[in-house]
Amino acid sequence: MDAWIKFITEVGFPIVVTFYLLHRIESKLNLLIESIHTLPEKLK
């Protein structure tokens, strides 16, 4: 059990930062995908 606690404390911070950054990037990616889908209509 001590090994798991040590592993979580060592790796926990990078995991939290990664999830935070992925959450922020997700909204921007959704906006980009939506813009790409509407691009053919705007080019007509």
PDB file of N, CA and C in Angstrom:
ATOM      1  N   MET A   1       0.823  -1.189   0.000  1.00  0.00           N
ATOM      2  CA  MET A   1       0.000   0.000   0.000  1.00  0.00           C
ATOM      3  C   MET A   1       0.869   1.256   0.000  1.00  0.00           C
ATOM      4  N   ASP A   2       1.990   1.214   0.695  1.00  0.00           N
ATOM      5  CA  ASP A   2       2.887   2.375   0.734  1.00  0.00           C
ATOM      6  C   ASP A   2       3.433   2.706  -0.654  1.00  0.00           C
ATOM      7  N   ALA A   3       3.654   1.673  -1.454  1.00  0.00           N
ATOM      8  CA  ALA A   3       4.174   1.915  -2.799  1.00  0.00           C
ATOM      9  C   ALA A   3       3.152   2.674  -3.648  1.00  0.00           C
ATOM     10  N   TRP A   4       1.874   2.346  -3.490  1.00  0.00           N
ATOM     11  CA  TRP A   4       0.825   3.045  -4.242  1.00  0.00           C
ATOM     12  C   TRP A   4       0.734   4.512  -3.831  1.00  0.00           C
ATOM     13  N   ILE A   5       0.805   4.782  -2.547  1.00  0.00           N
ATOM     14  CA  ILE A   5       0.721   6.157  -2.065  1.00  0.00           C
ATOM     15  C   ILE A   5       1.916   6.967  -2.578  1.00  0.00           C
ATOM     16  N   LYS A   6       3.094   6.365  -2.545  1.00  0.00           N
ATOM     17  CA  LYS A   6       4.288   7.041  -3.047  1.00  0.00           C
ATOM     18  C   LYS A   6       4.157   7.316  -4.542  1.00  0.00           C
ATOM     19  N   PHE A   7       3.641   6.347  -5.283  1.00  0.00           N
ATOM     20  CA  PHE A   7       3.456   6.509  -6.728  1.00  0.00           C
ATOM     21  C   PHE A   7       2.470   7.627  -7.038  1.00  0.00           C
ATOM     22  N   ILE A   8       1.361   7.685  -6.323  1.00  0.00           N
ATOM     23  CA  ILE A   8       0.340   8.712  -6.555  1.00  0.00           C
ATOM     24  C   ILE A   8       0.897  10.096  -6.231  1.00  0.00           C
ATOM     25  N   THR A   9       1.634  10.211  -5.144  1.00  0.00           N
ATOM     26  CA  THR A   9       2.171  11.529  -4.792  1.00  0.00           C
ATOM     27  C   THR A   9       3.237  11.982  -5.783  1.00  0.00           C
ATOM     28  N   GLU A  10       4.000  11.057  -6.333  1.00  0.00           N
ATOM     29  CA  GLU A  10       5.037  11.424  -7.293  1.00  0.00           C
ATOM     30  C   GLU A  10       4.462  11.745  -8.665  1.00  0.00           C
ATOM     31  N   VAL A  11       3.459  11.015  -9.074  1.00  0.00           N
ATOM     32  CA  VAL A  11       2.919  11.153 -10.424  1.00  0.00           C
ATOM     33  C   VAL A  11       1.645  11.991 -10.433  1.00  0.00           C
ATOM     34  N   GLY A  12       1.058  12.249  -9.299  1.00  0.00           N
ATOM     35  CA  GLY A  12      -0.226  12.935  -9.227  1.00  0.00           C
ATOM     36  C   GLY A  12      -0.221  14.325  -9.818  1.00  0.00           C
ATOM     37  N   PHE A  13       0.771  15.122  -9.506  1.00  0.00           N
ATOM     38  CA  PHE A  13       0.817  16.498 -10.006  1.00  0.00           C
ATOM     39  C   PHE A  13       0.871  16.565 -11.527  1.00  0.00           C
ATOM     40  N   PRO A  14       1.753  15.823 -12.190  1.00  0.00           N
ATOM     41  CA  PRO A  14       1.757  15.871 -13.665  1.00  0.00           C
ATOM     42  C   PRO A  14       0.439  15.404 -14.279  1.00  0.00           C
ATOM     43  N   ILE A  15      -0.220  14.453 -13.653  1.00  0.00           N
ATOM     44  CA  ILE A  15      -1.498  13.984 -14.171  1.00  0.00           C
ATOM     45  C   ILE A  15      -2.546  15.085 -14.067  1.00  0.00           C
ATOM     46  N   VAL A  16      -2.584  15.783 -12.951  1.00  0.00           N
ATOM     47  CA  VAL A  16      -3.540  16.873 -12.779  1.00  0.00           C
ATOM     48  C   VAL A  16      -3.276  17.978 -13.796  1.00  0.00           C
ATOM     49  N   VAL A  17      -2.033  18.329 -14.002  1.00  0.00           N
ATOM     50  CA  VAL A  17      -1.694  19.368 -14.980  1.00  0.00           C
ATOM     51  C   VAL A  17      -2.089  18.923 -16.386  1.00  0.00           C
ATOM     52  N   THR A  18      -1.849  17.669 -16.714  1.00  0.00           N
ATOM     53  CA  THR A  18      -2.207  17.145 -18.031  1.00  0.00           C
ATOM     54  C   THR A  18      -3.705  17.207 -18.258  1.00  0.00           C
ATOM     55  N   PHE A  19      -4.502  16.780 -17.275  1.00  0.00           N
ATOM     56  CA  PHE A  19      -5.954  16.833 -17.425  1.00  0.00           C
ATOM     57  C   PHE A  19      -6.442  18.270 -17.552  1.00  0.00           C
ATOM     58  N   TYR A  20      -5.844  19.185 -16.823  1.00  0.00           N
ATOM     59  CA  TYR A  20      -6.221  20.591 -16.917  1.00  0.00           C
ATOM     60  C   TYR A  20      -5.952  21.125 -18.323  1.00  0.00           C
ATOM     61  N   LEU A  21      -4.771  20.834 -18.862  1.00  0.00           N
ATOM     62  CA  LEU A  21      -4.429  21.316 -20.198  1.00  0.00           C
ATOM     63  C   LEU A  21      -5.301  20.673 -21.267  1.00  0.00           C
ATOM     64  N   LEU A  22      -5.591  19.383 -21.115  1.00  0.00           N
ATOM     65  CA  LEU A  22      -6.471  18.724 -22.080  1.00  0.00           C
ATOM     66  C   LEU A  22      -7.873  19.325 -22.049  1.00  0.00           C
ATOM     67  N   HIS A  23      -8.339  19.680 -20.876  1.00  0.00           N
ATOM     68  CA  HIS A  23      -9.659  20.291 -20.750  1.00  0.00           C
ATOM     69  C   HIS A  23      -9.688  21.645 -21.454  1.00  0.00           C
ATOM     70  N   ARG A  24      -8.642  22.421 -21.307  1.00  0.00           N
ATOM     71  CA  ARG A  24      -8.582  23.737 -21.956  1.00  0.00           C
ATOM     72  C   ARG A  24      -8.474  23.601 -23.471  1.00  0.00           C
ATOM     73  N   ILE A  25      -7.684  22.638 -23.928  1.00  0.00           N
ATOM     74  CA  ILE A  25      -7.491  22.450 -25.365  1.00  0.00           C
ATOM     75  C   ILE A  25      -8.753  21.888 -26.012  1.00  0.00           C
ATOM     76  N   GLU A  26      -9.524  21.106 -25.265  1.00  0.00           N
ATOM     77  CA  GLU A  26     -10.717  20.470 -25.823  1.00  0.00           C
ATOM     78  C   GLU A  26     -11.701  21.491 -26.382  1.00  0.00           C
ATOM     79  N   SER A  27     -11.944  22.565 -25.653  1.00  0.00           N
ATOM     80  CA  SER A  27     -12.894  23.565 -26.135  1.00  0.00           C
ATOM     81  C   SER A  27     -12.380  24.241 -27.405  1.00  0.00           C
ATOM     82  N   LYS A  28     -11.092  24.478 -27.475  1.00  0.00           N
ATOM     83  CA  LYS A  28     -10.523  25.097 -28.663  1.00  0.00           C
ATOM     84  C   LYS A  28     -10.557  24.138 -29.853  1.00  0.00           C
ATOM     85  N   LEU A  29     -10.358  22.860 -29.609  1.00  0.00           N
ATOM     86  CA  LEU A  29     -10.441  21.874 -30.688  1.00  0.00           C
ATOM     87  C   LEU A  29     -11.867  21.756 -31.202  1.00  0.00           C
ATOM     88  N   ASN A  30     -12.850  21.799 -30.309  1.00  0.00           N
ATOM     89  CA  ASN A  30     -14.244  21.736 -30.735  1.00  0.00           C
ATOM     90  C   ASN A  30     -14.592  22.934 -31.609  1.00  0.00           C
ATOM     91  N   LEU A  31     -14.105  24.104 -31.252  1.00  0.00           N
ATOM     92  CA  LEU A  31     -14.334  25.297 -32.063  1.00  0.00           C
ATOM     93  C   LEU A  31     -13.665  25.162 -33.427  1.00  0.00           C
ATOM     94  N   LEU A  32     -12.480  24.622 -33.470  1.00  0.00           N
ATOM     95  CA  LEU A  32     -11.772  24.414 -34.727  1.00  0.00           C
ATOM     96  C   LEU A  32     -12.517  23.420 -35.614  1.00  0.00           C
ATOM     97  N   ILE A  33     -13.002  22.339 -35.051  1.00  0.00           N
ATOM     98  CA  ILE A  33     -13.749  21.337 -35.819  1.00  0.00           C
ATOM     99  C   ILE A  33     -15.026  21.944 -36.381  1.00  0.00           C
ATOM    100  N   GLU A  34     -15.718  22.723 -35.573  1.00  0.00           N
ATOM    101  CA  GLU A  34     -16.938  23.382 -36.034  1.00  0.00           C
ATOM    102  C   GLU A  34     -16.631  24.345 -37.180  1.00  0.00           C
ATOM    103  N   SER A  35     -15.545  25.080 -37.078  1.00  0.00           N
ATOM    104  CA  SER A  35     -15.161  26.004 -38.146  1.00  0.00           C
ATOM    105  C   SER A  35     -14.822  25.263 -39.424  1.00  0.00           C
ATOM    106  N   ILE A  36     -14.169  24.142 -39.313  1.00  0.00           N
ATOM    107  CA  ILE A  36     -13.809  23.348 -40.503  1.00  0.00           C
ATOM    108  C   ILE A  36     -15.075  22.806 -41.168  1.00  0.00           C
ATOM    109  N   HIS A  37     -16.065  22.395 -40.368  1.00  0.00           N
ATOM    110  CA  HIS A  37     -17.299  21.873 -40.939  1.00  0.00           C
ATOM    111  C   HIS A  37     -18.105  22.960 -41.652  1.00  0.00           C
ATOM    112  N   THR A  38     -18.044  24.178 -41.204  1.00  0.00           N
ATOM    113  CA  THR A  38     -18.805  25.264 -41.831  1.00  0.00           C
ATOM    114  C   THR A  38     -18.037  25.930 -42.966  1.00  0.00           C
ATOM    115  N   LEU A  39     -16.793  25.601 -43.147  1.00  0.00           N
ATOM    116  CA  LEU A  39     -15.972  26.232 -44.176  1.00  0.00           C
ATOM    117  C   LEU A  39     -16.513  26.011 -45.598  1.00  0.00           C
ATOM    118  N   PRO A  40     -16.926  24.814 -45.983  1.00  0.00           N
ATOM    119  CA  PRO A  40     -17.451  24.652 -47.358  1.00  0.00           C
ATOM    120  C   PRO A  40     -18.681  25.518 -47.633  1.00  0.00           C
ATOM    121  N   GLU A  41     -19.535  25.715 -46.635  1.00  0.00           N
ATOM    122  CA  GLU A  41     -20.713  26.546 -46.832  1.00  0.00           C
ATOM    123  C   GLU A  41     -20.309  28.011 -47.042  1.00  0.00           C
ATOM    124  N   LYS A  42     -19.289  28.443 -46.343  1.00  0.00           N
ATOM    125  CA  LYS A  42     -18.839  29.832 -46.479  1.00  0.00           C
ATOM    126  C   LYS A  42     -18.127  30.068 -47.817  1.00  0.00           C
ATOM    127  N   LEU A  43     -17.531  29.021 -48.386  1.00  0.00           N
ATOM    128  CA  LEU A  43     -16.803  29.169 -49.636  1.00  0.00           C
ATOM    129  C   LEU A  43     -17.729  29.188 -50.850  1.00  0.00           C
ATOM    130  N   LYS A  44     -18.973  28.742 -50.687  1.00  0.00           N
ATOM    131  CA  LYS A  44     -19.920  28.720 -51.811  1.00  0.00           C
ATOM    132  C   LYS A  44     -20.360  30.094 -52.198  1.00  0.00           C
TER     133      LYS A  44
END
